[in-house]
Amino acid sequence: MELWEKTLESALLYEGKILRLRRDRVLLPNGRETTREVVEHPGGVCILPVDEEGNVLFVRQYRYAYGTVLLELPAGKLESGEDPYEAALRELEEETGYRTSGLTSLGEVYPTPGCMDEVLHLYYADRLIPSAQRLDEDEFLQVEKMPLKEAAAMVLDGRLPDGKSQIALLKYLLLTGGEK
């Protein structure tokens, strides 16, 4: 059996500042029809910054949807038409107060493929250069450093539940063998 779904009809249900929600009527491979609800998101970037001592820079911030403070890697939403590499450079400096002379791609992830079209672009940053933090007016966060091995342990024991941070850390560790 071929794997496909054909959109028959699409209706925009909501359009907000960050996302859109639509309901589609689709035709399935077996000839039946069903509906799909899709959250459209412009995508984002996530950066794994590692300093000369092998420490990872994280941000700690309150996440309204979960009602708690989370420890995460610096990240941000893509602006319309923005290049992910440039967005990652921007977000790194805005959130952490550090710049870098170059980023290395860790690939892309689809964080919630069952209902969202968001694509996250993951990067690794070294050769960090102190700069100035430039938070958005509605952004409140704290920068924290920790050894790479401690961060990896937090992924494994559940103290770092953020998916994008887990994926970036584990991909980096697997690609480098844990070496800075």
Protein backbone atom coordinates (compact mmCIF):
# COMPACT_ATOMS: atom_id res chain seq x y z
CA MET A 1 0.00 0.00 0.00
CA GLU A 2 1.25 3.47 -0.85
CA LEU A 3 1.55 5.97 1.97
CA TRP A 4 -0.06 9.29 1.08
CA GLU A 5 -2.92 11.57 1.97
CA LYS A 6 -4.54 14.01 -0.44
CA THR A 7 -5.93 17.31 0.82
CA LEU A 8 -9.50 17.79 -0.39
CA GLU A 9 -10.37 20.93 1.54
CA SER A 10 -8.61 23.24 3.98
CA ALA A 11 -10.10 25.76 6.43
CA LEU A 12 -8.19 28.27 8.55
CA LEU A 13 -9.56 28.11 12.12
CA TYR A 14 -7.21 30.50 13.90
CA GLU A 15 -4.41 32.90 13.04
CA GLY A 16 -2.27 34.25 15.87
CA LYS A 17 1.02 36.07 16.30
CA ILE A 18 3.10 32.87 16.38
CA LEU A 19 0.99 30.16 14.76
CA ARG A 20 -2.00 29.27 12.63
CA LEU A 21 -4.43 26.38 13.03
CA ARG A 22 -6.24 24.77 10.14
CA ARG A 23 -8.55 21.80 9.66
CA ASP A 24 -8.14 19.78 6.47
CA ARG A 25 -10.39 17.17 4.95
CA VAL A 26 -8.19 14.46 3.42
CA LEU A 27 -8.51 11.37 1.27
CA LEU A 28 -6.71 8.28 2.64
CA PRO A 29 -5.06 5.48 0.62
CA ASN A 30 -8.03 3.17 1.33
CA GLY A 31 -10.46 5.66 -0.25
CA ARG A 32 -11.95 6.88 3.04
CA GLU A 33 -12.01 10.51 4.11
CA THR A 34 -10.99 11.96 7.47
CA THR A 35 -9.91 15.26 8.99
CA ARG A 36 -6.48 16.49 10.04
CA GLU A 37 -5.85 19.44 12.34
CA VAL A 38 -2.54 21.13 11.62
CA VAL A 39 -0.70 23.80 13.58
CA GLU A 40 1.39 25.88 11.18
CA HIS A 41 4.56 27.28 12.76
CA PRO A 42 7.37 29.25 11.07
CA GLY A 43 10.03 26.98 12.58
CA GLY A 44 12.90 27.78 14.84
CA VAL A 45 16.49 27.30 15.86
CA CYS A 46 18.20 25.75 18.87
CA ILE A 47 21.85 26.34 19.70
CA LEU A 48 24.21 24.21 21.83
CA PRO A 49 26.88 26.70 22.98
CA VAL A 50 29.98 25.11 24.54
CA ASP A 51 32.70 27.28 26.08
CA GLU A 52 36.47 26.61 26.19
CA GLU A 53 36.13 24.71 29.48
CA GLY A 54 33.52 22.34 28.06
CA ASN A 55 30.56 24.00 29.78
CA VAL A 56 27.20 24.25 28.06
CA LEU A 57 25.33 27.54 28.25
CA PHE A 58 21.65 27.08 29.08
CA VAL A 59 18.79 29.47 29.69
CA ARG A 60 16.30 29.02 32.50
CA GLN A 61 12.88 30.53 31.85
CA TYR A 62 9.23 30.23 32.83
CA ARG A 63 7.19 28.34 30.25
CA TYR A 64 3.54 29.35 30.49
CA ALA A 65 2.12 26.32 28.64
CA TYR A 66 3.65 23.98 31.25
CA GLY A 67 3.29 26.35 34.21
CA THR A 68 6.88 25.84 35.28
CA VAL A 69 10.45 27.03 34.89
CA LEU A 70 12.49 24.97 32.40
CA LEU A 71 16.19 24.70 31.69
CA GLU A 72 16.73 24.80 27.91
CA LEU A 73 19.35 25.50 25.30
CA PRO A 74 19.03 28.96 23.74
CA ALA A 75 16.44 28.89 20.98
CA GLY A 76 14.03 31.04 19.06
CA LYS A 77 11.43 31.34 16.36
CA LEU A 78 12.33 32.08 12.76
CA GLU A 79 11.08 35.37 11.40
CA SER A 80 9.35 35.27 8.01
CA GLY A 81 11.92 34.37 5.33
CA GLU A 82 14.81 34.37 7.82
CA ASP A 83 17.80 32.11 7.21
CA PRO A 84 18.09 29.58 10.08
CA TYR A 85 21.88 30.08 10.38
CA GLU A 86 21.43 33.84 10.78
CA ALA A 87 18.58 33.30 13.24
CA ALA A 88 20.79 31.02 15.33
CA LEU A 89 23.54 33.65 15.46
CA ARG A 90 20.95 36.25 16.51
CA GLU A 91 19.31 34.09 19.17
CA LEU A 92 22.65 33.01 20.66
CA GLU A 93 23.68 36.61 21.27
CA GLU A 94 20.23 37.85 22.31
CA GLU A 95 19.67 35.14 24.91
CA THR A 96 23.16 34.38 26.25
CA GLY A 97 25.21 37.51 25.61
CA TYR A 98 27.74 35.54 23.55
CA ARG A 99 28.59 35.55 19.86
CA THR A 100 30.49 32.95 17.87
CA SER A 101 32.64 33.04 14.77
CA GLY A 102 30.79 30.06 13.36
CA LEU A 103 28.09 27.47 13.88
CA THR A 104 28.06 23.78 13.01
CA SER A 105 24.77 22.24 11.94
CA LEU A 106 23.44 19.34 13.99
CA GLY A 107 20.60 18.83 11.51
CA GLU A 108 16.86 19.39 11.68
CA VAL A 109 14.12 17.83 13.77
CA TYR A 110 10.35 17.66 13.46
CA PRO A 111 9.34 18.04 17.13
CA THR A 112 5.62 17.17 16.84
CA PRO A 113 4.91 15.58 13.43
CA GLY A 114 1.45 14.35 14.42
CA CYS A 115 -0.07 17.81 14.36
CA MET A 116 2.54 20.52 13.62
CA ASP A 117 4.62 21.49 10.59
CA GLU A 118 7.38 23.09 12.72
CA VAL A 119 11.00 22.37 11.76
CA LEU A 120 13.75 23.08 14.28
CA HIS A 121 17.28 23.70 13.01
CA LEU A 122 19.91 22.56 15.52
CA TYR A 123 23.40 24.07 15.78
CA TYR A 124 26.54 23.69 17.84
CA ALA A 125 28.52 26.84 18.74
CA ASP A 126 32.05 27.04 20.09
CA ARG A 127 34.67 29.81 20.02
CA LEU A 128 32.29 31.90 22.12
CA ILE A 129 32.97 35.63 22.33
CA PRO A 130 31.47 37.68 25.20
CA SER A 131 29.00 40.28 23.98
CA ALA A 132 25.79 41.69 25.46
CA GLN A 133 22.51 39.97 26.14
CA ARG A 134 19.63 41.62 24.25
CA LEU A 135 16.37 40.09 25.42
CA ASP A 136 13.02 40.91 23.85
CA GLU A 137 10.83 43.12 26.05
CA ASP A 138 8.61 40.14 26.93
CA GLU A 139 11.50 37.73 27.53
CA PHE A 140 12.84 36.97 31.00
CA LEU A 141 15.53 34.34 31.46
CA GLN A 142 18.71 33.47 33.32
CA VAL A 143 21.88 32.09 31.72
CA GLU A 144 23.46 29.07 33.42
CA LYS A 145 26.63 27.12 32.64
CA MET A 146 27.22 23.48 33.41
CA PRO A 147 29.67 20.77 32.35
CA LEU A 148 28.62 18.83 29.24
CA LYS A 149 28.64 15.51 31.13
CA GLU A 150 26.33 16.91 33.82
CA ALA A 151 23.94 18.14 31.13
CA ALA A 152 23.94 14.67 29.56
CA ALA A 153 23.18 13.10 32.93
CA MET A 154 20.24 15.48 33.32
CA VAL A 155 18.82 14.28 30.01
CA LEU A 156 19.05 10.67 31.14
CA ASP A 157 17.57 11.16 34.61
CA GLY A 158 14.69 13.40 33.50
CA ARG A 159 15.84 16.72 34.95
CA LEU A 160 16.10 18.19 31.43
CA PRO A 161 12.71 17.43 29.84
CA ASP A 162 12.95 19.92 26.93
CA GLY A 163 12.99 17.86 23.73
CA LYS A 164 15.03 20.19 21.52
CA SER A 165 17.72 20.46 24.19
CA GLN A 166 17.83 16.69 24.65
CA ILE A 167 18.16 16.04 20.93
CA ALA A 168 20.88 18.65 20.38
CA LEU A 169 22.91 17.43 23.37
CA LEU A 170 22.65 13.76 22.49
CA LYS A 171 23.39 14.32 18.79
CA TYR A 172 26.44 16.37 19.71
CA LEU A 173 27.68 13.70 22.14
CA LEU A 174 27.16 10.90 19.61
CA LEU A 175 28.81 12.85 16.78
CA THR A 176 31.84 13.88 18.84
CA GLY A 177 32.19 10.94 21.20
CA GLY A 178 31.68 13.37 24.07
CA GLU A 179 34.83 15.36 23.30
CA LYS A 180 34.71 19.13 23.15
